[in-house]
PDB file of N, CA and C in Angstrom:
ATOM      1  N   UNK A   1      -3.919  54.666  38.644  1.00  0.00           N
ATOM      2  CA  UNK A   1      -4.672  53.715  37.397  1.00  0.00           C
ATOM      3  C   UNK A   1      -6.041  54.121  37.640  1.00  0.00           C
ATOM      4  N   UNK A   2      -6.669  54.001  36.356  1.00  0.00           N
ATOM      5  CA  UNK A   2      -8.176  54.380  36.037  1.00  0.00           C
ATOM      6  C   UNK A   2      -8.718  53.379  35.042  1.00  0.00           C
ATOM      7  N   UNK A   3      -9.916  52.859  35.234  1.00  0.00           N
ATOM      8  CA  UNK A   3     -10.566  52.026  34.517  1.00  0.00           C
ATOM      9  C   UNK A   3     -11.562  52.886  33.643  1.00  0.00           C
ATOM     10  N   UNK A   4     -11.106  53.085  32.427  1.00  0.00           N
ATOM     11  CA  UNK A   4     -11.897  53.870  31.418  1.00  0.00           C
ATOM     12  C   UNK A   4     -12.363  53.121  30.255  1.00  0.00           C
ATOM     13  N   UNK A   5     -13.529  52.948  29.764  1.00  0.00           N
ATOM     14  CA  UNK A   5     -13.946  52.364  28.516  1.00  0.00           C
ATOM     15  C   UNK A   5     -13.596  50.799  28.365  1.00  0.00           C
ATOM     16  N   UNK A   6     -13.733  50.158  29.568  1.00  0.00           N
ATOM     17  CA  UNK A   6     -13.377  48.654  29.553  1.00  0.00           C
ATOM     18  C   UNK A   6     -11.406  48.405  29.323  1.00  0.00           C
ATOM     19  N   UNK A   7     -10.977  49.465  29.665  1.00  0.00           N
ATOM     20  CA  UNK A   7      -9.312  49.302  29.524  1.00  0.00           C
ATOM     21  C   UNK A   7      -8.808  50.184  30.844  1.00  0.00           C
ATOM     22  N   UNK A   8      -7.604  49.753  31.269  1.00  0.00           N
ATOM     23  CA  UNK A   8      -6.959  50.450  32.345  1.00  0.00           C
ATOM     24  C   UNK A   8      -6.002  51.406  31.700  1.00  0.00           C
ATOM     25  N   UNK A   9      -5.874  52.450  32.490  1.00  0.00           N
ATOM     26  CA  UNK A   9      -5.102  53.776  32.157  1.00  0.00           C
ATOM     27  C   UNK A   9      -4.042  53.787  33.128  1.00  0.00           C
ATOM     28  N   UNK A  10      -2.847  53.643  32.804  1.00  0.00           N
ATOM     29  CA  UNK A  10      -1.617  53.799  33.827  1.00  0.00           C
ATOM     30  C   UNK A  10      -1.091  55.113  33.788  1.00  0.00           C
ATOM     31  N   UNK A  11      -0.423  55.370  35.101  1.00  0.00           N
ATOM     32  CA  UNK A  11       0.375  56.560  35.416  1.00  0.00           C
ATOM     33  C   UNK A  11       1.778  56.116  35.195  1.00  0.00           C
ATOM     34  N   UNK A  12       2.540  57.312  35.334  1.00  0.00           N
ATOM     35  CA  UNK A  12       3.841  57.117  35.578  1.00  0.00           C
ATOM     36  C   UNK A  12       4.336  56.393  37.071  1.00  0.00           C
ATOM     37  N   UNK A  13       3.295  56.950  37.992  1.00  0.00           N
ATOM     38  CA  UNK A  13       3.556  56.206  39.435  1.00  0.00           C
ATOM     39  C   UNK A  13       3.019  54.752  39.344  1.00  0.00           C
ATOM     40  N   UNK A  14       2.130  54.399  38.558  1.00  0.00           N
ATOM     41  CA  UNK A  14       1.636  53.000  38.502  1.00  0.00           C
ATOM     42  C   UNK A  14       2.724  52.056  37.747  1.00  0.00           C
ATOM     43  N   UNK A  15       3.511  52.668  36.986  1.00  0.00           N
ATOM     44  CA  UNK A  15       4.762  51.972  36.353  1.00  0.00           C
ATOM     45  C   UNK A  15       5.731  51.654  37.263  1.00  0.00           C
ATOM     46  N   UNK A  16       6.263  52.935  37.988  1.00  0.00           N
ATOM     47  CA  UNK A  16       7.225  52.746  39.130  1.00  0.00           C
ATOM     48  C   UNK A  16       6.735  51.858  40.095  1.00  0.00           C
ATOM     49  N   UNK A  17       5.335  51.913  40.755  1.00  0.00           N
ATOM     50  CA  UNK A  17       4.950  50.764  41.582  1.00  0.00           C
ATOM     51  C   UNK A  17       5.239  49.266  41.218  1.00  0.00           C
ATOM     52  N   UNK A  18       4.748  49.281  39.868  1.00  0.00           N
ATOM     53  CA  UNK A  18       5.010  47.774  39.089  1.00  0.00           C
ATOM     54  C   UNK A  18       6.549  47.407  39.260  1.00  0.00           C
ATOM     55  N   UNK A  19       7.328  48.276  38.971  1.00  0.00           N
ATOM     56  CA  UNK A  19       8.778  47.823  39.230  1.00  0.00           C
ATOM     57  C   UNK A  19       9.157  47.509  40.526  1.00  0.00           C
ATOM     58  N   UNK A  20       8.594  48.155  41.721  1.00  0.00           N
ATOM     59  CA  UNK A  20       8.737  47.755  42.939  1.00  0.00           C
ATOM     60  C   UNK A  20       8.073  46.510  43.481  1.00  0.00           C
ATOM     61  N   UNK A  21       6.798  46.345  42.767  1.00  0.00           N
ATOM     62  CA  UNK A  21       5.980  45.351  43.370  1.00  0.00           C
ATOM     63  C   UNK A  21       4.958  44.865  42.476  1.00  0.00           C
ATOM     64  N   UNK A  22       5.172  43.767  41.711  1.00  0.00           N
ATOM     65  CA  UNK A  22       4.112  43.378  40.693  1.00  0.00           C
ATOM     66  C   UNK A  22       2.723  43.114  41.485  1.00  0.00           C
ATOM     67  N   UNK A  23       2.617  42.732  42.583  1.00  0.00           N
ATOM     68  CA  UNK A  23       1.282  42.424  43.460  1.00  0.00           C
ATOM     69  C   UNK A  23       0.722  43.766  43.588  1.00  0.00           C
ATOM     70  N   UNK A  24       1.221  44.901  43.785  1.00  0.00           N
ATOM     71  CA  UNK A  24       0.966  46.245  43.814  1.00  0.00           C
ATOM     72  C   UNK A  24      -0.066  46.583  42.656  1.00  0.00           C
ATOM     73  N   UNK A  25       0.519  46.150  41.679  1.00  0.00           N
ATOM     74  CA  UNK A  25      -0.237  46.385  40.341  1.00  0.00           C
ATOM     75  C   UNK A  25      -1.583  45.686  40.222  1.00  0.00           C
ATOM     76  N   UNK A  26      -1.637  44.406  40.701  1.00  0.00           N
ATOM     77  CA  UNK A  26      -2.805  43.568  40.832  1.00  0.00           C
ATOM     78  C   UNK A  26      -3.797  44.148  41.682  1.00  0.00           C
ATOM     79  N   UNK A  27      -3.199  44.611  42.886  1.00  0.00           N
ATOM     80  CA  UNK A  27      -4.263  45.450  43.723  1.00  0.00           C
ATOM     81  C   UNK A  27      -4.609  46.579  43.252  1.00  0.00           C
ATOM     82  N   UNK A  28      -3.905  47.392  42.596  1.00  0.00           N
ATOM     83  CA  UNK A  28      -4.270  48.820  41.922  1.00  0.00           C
ATOM     84  C   UNK A  28      -5.420  48.329  40.877  1.00  0.00           C
ATOM     85  N   UNK A  29      -5.087  47.306  40.145  1.00  0.00           N
ATOM     86  CA  UNK A  29      -5.976  47.029  39.012  1.00  0.00           C
ATOM     87  C   UNK A  29      -7.443  46.660  39.753  1.00  0.00           C
ATOM     88  N   UNK A  30      -7.444  45.980  40.677  1.00  0.00           N
ATOM     89  CA  UNK A  30      -8.636  45.461  41.237  1.00  0.00           C
ATOM     90  C   UNK A  30      -9.532  46.612  41.802  1.00  0.00           C
ATOM     91  N   UNK A  31      -8.555  47.503  42.453  1.00  0.00           N
ATOM     92  CA  UNK A  31      -9.331  48.876  43.025  1.00  0.00           C
ATOM     93  C   UNK A  31      -9.926  49.712  41.614  1.00  0.00           C
ATOM     94  N   UNK A  32      -9.160  49.726  40.741  1.00  0.00           N
ATOM     95  CA  UNK A  32      -9.785  50.329  39.470  1.00  0.00           C
ATOM     96  C   UNK A  32     -10.938  49.713  38.976  1.00  0.00           C
ATOM     97  N   UNK A  33     -10.901  48.512  38.975  1.00  0.00           N
ATOM     98  CA  UNK A  33     -12.167  47.698  38.488  1.00  0.00           C
ATOM     99  C   UNK A  33     -13.205  47.825  39.590  1.00  0.00           C
ATOM    100  N   UNK A  34     -13.093  48.047  40.759  1.00  0.00           N
ATOM    101  CA  UNK A  34     -14.110  48.190  41.725  1.00  0.00           C
ATOM    102  C   UNK A  34     -14.263  46.640  42.372  1.00  0.00           C
ATOM    103  N   UNK A  35     -13.407  45.803  41.976  1.00  0.00           N
ATOM    104  CA  UNK A  35     -13.326  44.478  42.743  1.00  0.00           C
ATOM    105  C   UNK A  35     -13.319  44.559  44.300  1.00  0.00           C
ATOM    106  N   UNK A  36     -12.202  45.343  44.498  1.00  0.00           N
ATOM    107  CA  UNK A  36     -11.929  45.610  45.995  1.00  0.00           C
ATOM    108  C   UNK A  36     -11.938  47.346  46.356  1.00  0.00           C
ATOM    109  N   UNK A  37     -11.955  47.421  47.680  1.00  0.00           N
ATOM    110  CA  UNK A  37     -11.822  48.860  47.953  1.00  0.00           C
ATOM    111  C   UNK A  37     -10.297  49.227  48.485  1.00  0.00           C
ATOM    112  N   UNK A  38      -9.872  50.379  48.209  1.00  0.00           N
ATOM    113  CA  UNK A  38      -8.690  50.691  48.754  1.00  0.00           C
ATOM    114  C   UNK A  38      -8.557  51.155  50.346  1.00  0.00           C
ATOM    115  N   UNK A  39      -7.740  50.530  50.909  1.00  0.00           N
ATOM    116  CA  UNK A  39      -7.718  50.516  52.399  1.00  0.00           C
ATOM    117  C   UNK A  39      -7.498  52.005  52.855  1.00  0.00           C
ATOM    118  N   UNK A  40      -8.045  52.521  53.712  1.00  0.00           N
ATOM    119  CA  UNK A  40      -8.136  53.850  54.300  1.00  0.00           C
ATOM    120  C   UNK A  40      -7.038  53.782  55.544  1.00  0.00           C
ATOM    121  N   UNK A  41      -5.969  54.536  55.320  1.00  0.00           N
ATOM    122  CA  UNK A  41      -5.053  54.622  56.378  1.00  0.00           C
ATOM    123  C   UNK A  41      -4.756  56.108  56.891  1.00  0.00           C
ATOM    124  N   UNK A  42      -5.135  56.286  57.998  1.00  0.00           N
ATOM    125  CA  UNK A  42      -4.756  57.734  58.413  1.00  0.00           C
ATOM    126  C   UNK A  42      -3.556  57.687  59.069  1.00  0.00           C
ATOM    127  N   UNK A  43      -2.751  58.765  58.758  1.00  0.00           N
ATOM    128  CA  UNK A  43      -1.443  59.034  59.270  1.00  0.00           C
ATOM    129  C   UNK A  43      -1.490  60.577  59.511  1.00  0.00           C
ATOM    130  N   UNK A  44      -1.367  61.060  60.756  1.00  0.00           N
ATOM    131  CA  UNK A  44      -1.409  62.423  61.165  1.00  0.00           C
ATOM    132  C   UNK A  44      -0.458  63.168  60.517  1.00  0.00           C
ATOM    133  N   UNK A  45       0.924  62.786  60.544  1.00  0.00           N
ATOM    134  CA  UNK A  45       1.972  63.361  59.909  1.00  0.00           C
ATOM    135  C   UNK A  45       1.688  63.550  58.285  1.00  0.00           C
ATOM    136  N   UNK A  46       1.069  62.552  57.695  1.00  0.00           N
ATOM    137  CA  UNK A  46       0.938  62.516  56.171  1.00  0.00           C
ATOM    138  C   UNK A  46      -0.188  63.652  56.031  1.00  0.00           C
ATOM    139  N   UNK A  47      -1.299  63.591  56.751  1.00  0.00           N
ATOM    140  CA  UNK A  47      -2.295  64.519  56.617  1.00  0.00           C
ATOM    141  C   UNK A  47      -1.735  66.005  56.742  1.00  0.00           C
ATOM    142  N   UNK A  48      -0.817  66.319  57.513  1.00  0.00           N
ATOM    143  CA  UNK A  48      -0.433  67.561  57.867  1.00  0.00           C
ATOM    144  C   UNK A  48       0.467  68.052  56.602  1.00  0.00           C
ATOM    145  N   UNK A  49       1.098  66.916  56.050  1.00  0.00           N
ATOM    146  CA  UNK A  49       2.013  66.944  54.794  1.00  0.00           C
ATOM    147  C   UNK A  49       1.155  67.421  53.778  1.00  0.00           C
ATOM    148  N   UNK A  50       0.063  66.902  53.384  1.00  0.00           N
ATOM    149  CA  UNK A  50      -1.008  66.988  52.595  1.00  0.00           C
ATOM    150  C   UNK A  50      -1.531  68.329  52.581  1.00  0.00           C
ATOM    151  N   UNK A  51      -1.958  68.802  53.949  1.00  0.00           N
ATOM    152  CA  UNK A  51      -2.585  69.940  54.095  1.00  0.00           C
ATOM    153  C   UNK A  51      -1.480  71.322  53.707  1.00  0.00           C
ATOM    154  N   UNK A  52      -0.169  71.070  54.007  1.00  0.00           N
ATOM    155  CA  UNK A  52       0.776  72.084  53.798  1.00  0.00           C
ATOM    156  C   UNK A  52       0.814  72.150  52.399  1.00  0.00           C
ATOM    157  N   UNK A  53       1.032  71.019  51.677  1.00  0.00           N
ATOM    158  CA  UNK A  53       1.078  71.059  50.196  1.00  0.00           C
ATOM    159  C   UNK A  53       0.070  71.623  49.576  1.00  0.00           C
ATOM    160  N   UNK A  54      -1.136  71.398  49.984  1.00  0.00           N
ATOM    161  CA  UNK A  54      -2.306  72.105  49.248  1.00  0.00           C
ATOM    162  C   UNK A  54      -2.139  73.419  49.630  1.00  0.00           C
ATOM    163  N   UNK A  55      -1.704  73.984  50.744  1.00  0.00           N
ATOM    164  CA  UNK A  55      -2.009  75.405  51.085  1.00  0.00           C
ATOM    165  C   UNK A  55      -0.676  76.074  50.245  1.00  0.00           C
ATOM    166  N   UNK A  56       0.472  75.334  50.120  1.00  0.00           N
ATOM    167  CA  UNK A  56       1.450  75.992  49.175  1.00  0.00           C
ATOM    168  C   UNK A  56       0.935  76.067  47.680  1.00  0.00           C
ATOM    169  N   UNK A  57       0.303  75.171  47.396  1.00  0.00           N
ATOM    170  CA  UNK A  57      -0.049  75.338  45.827  1.00  0.00           C
ATOM    171  C   UNK A  57      -1.113  76.241  45.531  1.00  0.00           C
ATOM    172  N   UNK A  58      -1.795  76.687  46.539  1.00  0.00           N
ATOM    173  CA  UNK A  58      -2.842  77.660  46.556  1.00  0.00           C
ATOM    174  C   UNK A  58      -2.173  79.039  46.537  1.00  0.00           C
ATOM    175  N   UNK A  59      -1.333  79.068  47.563  1.00  0.00           N
ATOM    176  CA  UNK A  59      -0.688  80.393  47.673  1.00  0.00           C
ATOM    177  C   UNK A  59       0.147  80.562  46.381  1.00  0.00           C
ATOM    178  N   UNK A  60       0.749  79.684  45.803  1.00  0.00           N
ATOM    179  CA  UNK A  60       1.529  79.809  44.649  1.00  0.00           C
ATOM    180  C   UNK A  60       0.639  80.282  43.392  1.00  0.00           C
ATOM    181  N   UNK A  61      -0.540  79.790  43.234  1.00  0.00           N
ATOM    182  CA  UNK A  61      -1.400  80.075  42.060  1.00  0.00           C
ATOM    183  C   UNK A  61      -1.884  81.532  42.424  1.00  0.00           C
ATOM    184  N   UNK A  62      -2.164  81.938  43.606  1.00  0.00           N
ATOM    185  CA  UNK A  62      -2.406  83.068  43.865  1.00  0.00           C
ATOM    186  C   UNK A  62      -1.540  84.198  43.623  1.00  0.00           C
ATOM    187  N   UNK A  63      -0.209  83.943  43.923  1.00  0.00           N
ATOM    188  CA  UNK A  63       0.862  84.888  43.714  1.00  0.00           C
ATOM    189  C   UNK A  63       0.973  84.986  41.991  1.00  0.00           C
ATOM    190  N   UNK A  64       0.707  83.773  41.238  1.00  0.00           N
ATOM    191  CA  UNK A  64       0.714  83.906  39.880  1.00  0.00           C
ATOM    192  C   UNK A  64      -0.346  84.758  39.359  1.00  0.00           C
ATOM    193  N   UNK A  65      -1.454  84.560  39.936  1.00  0.00           N
ATOM    194  CA  UNK A  65      -2.666  85.570  39.657  1.00  0.00           C
ATOM    195  C   UNK A  65      -2.506  86.830  39.876  1.00  0.00           C
ATOM    196  N   UNK A  66      -1.804  87.319  40.923  1.00  0.00           N
ATOM    197  CA  UNK A  66      -1.557  88.570  41.369  1.00  0.00           C
ATOM    198  C   UNK A  66      -0.643  89.383  40.234  1.00  0.00           C
ATOM    199  N   UNK A  67       0.308  88.491  39.773  1.00  0.00           N
ATOM    200  CA  UNK A  67       1.369  88.850  38.684  1.00  0.00           C
ATOM    201  C   UNK A  67       0.584  88.840  37.243  1.00  0.00           C
ATOM    202  N   UNK A  68      -0.679  88.590  37.307  1.00  0.00           N
ATOM    203  CA  UNK A  68      -1.408  88.658  35.939  1.00  0.00           C
ATOM    204  C   UNK A  68      -0.918  87.482  35.013  1.00  0.00           C
ATOM    205  N   UNK A  69      -0.442  86.481  35.407  1.00  0.00           N
ATOM    206  CA  UNK A  69      -0.027  85.390  34.838  1.00  0.00           C
ATOM    207  C   UNK A  69      -1.095  84.402  34.671  1.00  0.00           C
ATOM    208  N   UNK A  70      -1.015  83.725  33.389  1.00  0.00           N
ATOM    209  CA  UNK A  70      -2.105  82.667  33.269  1.00  0.00           C
ATOM    210  C   UNK A  70      -1.844  81.403  33.886  1.00  0.00           C
ATOM    211  N   UNK A  71      -2.987  81.091  34.418  1.00  0.00           N
ATOM    212  CA  UNK A  71      -2.755  79.788  35.396  1.00  0.00           C
ATOM    213  C   UNK A  71      -3.560  78.573  34.709  1.00  0.00           C
TER     214      UNK A  71
END
């Protein structure tokens, strides 16, 4: 969710989150407006998954570039 030009822009993930929990939408909107800050949760397993995902994406783009494909 992003706050742009005095309106909120929703992503597909925001809509799915709203179906699961309407309160989550209110919290996300408050974060987007700057009323509250998003909590910082550090999970070493999640951090490892993020790093592996970014490495995979980087390697995939490099492979596409080596094949002279537009990225």
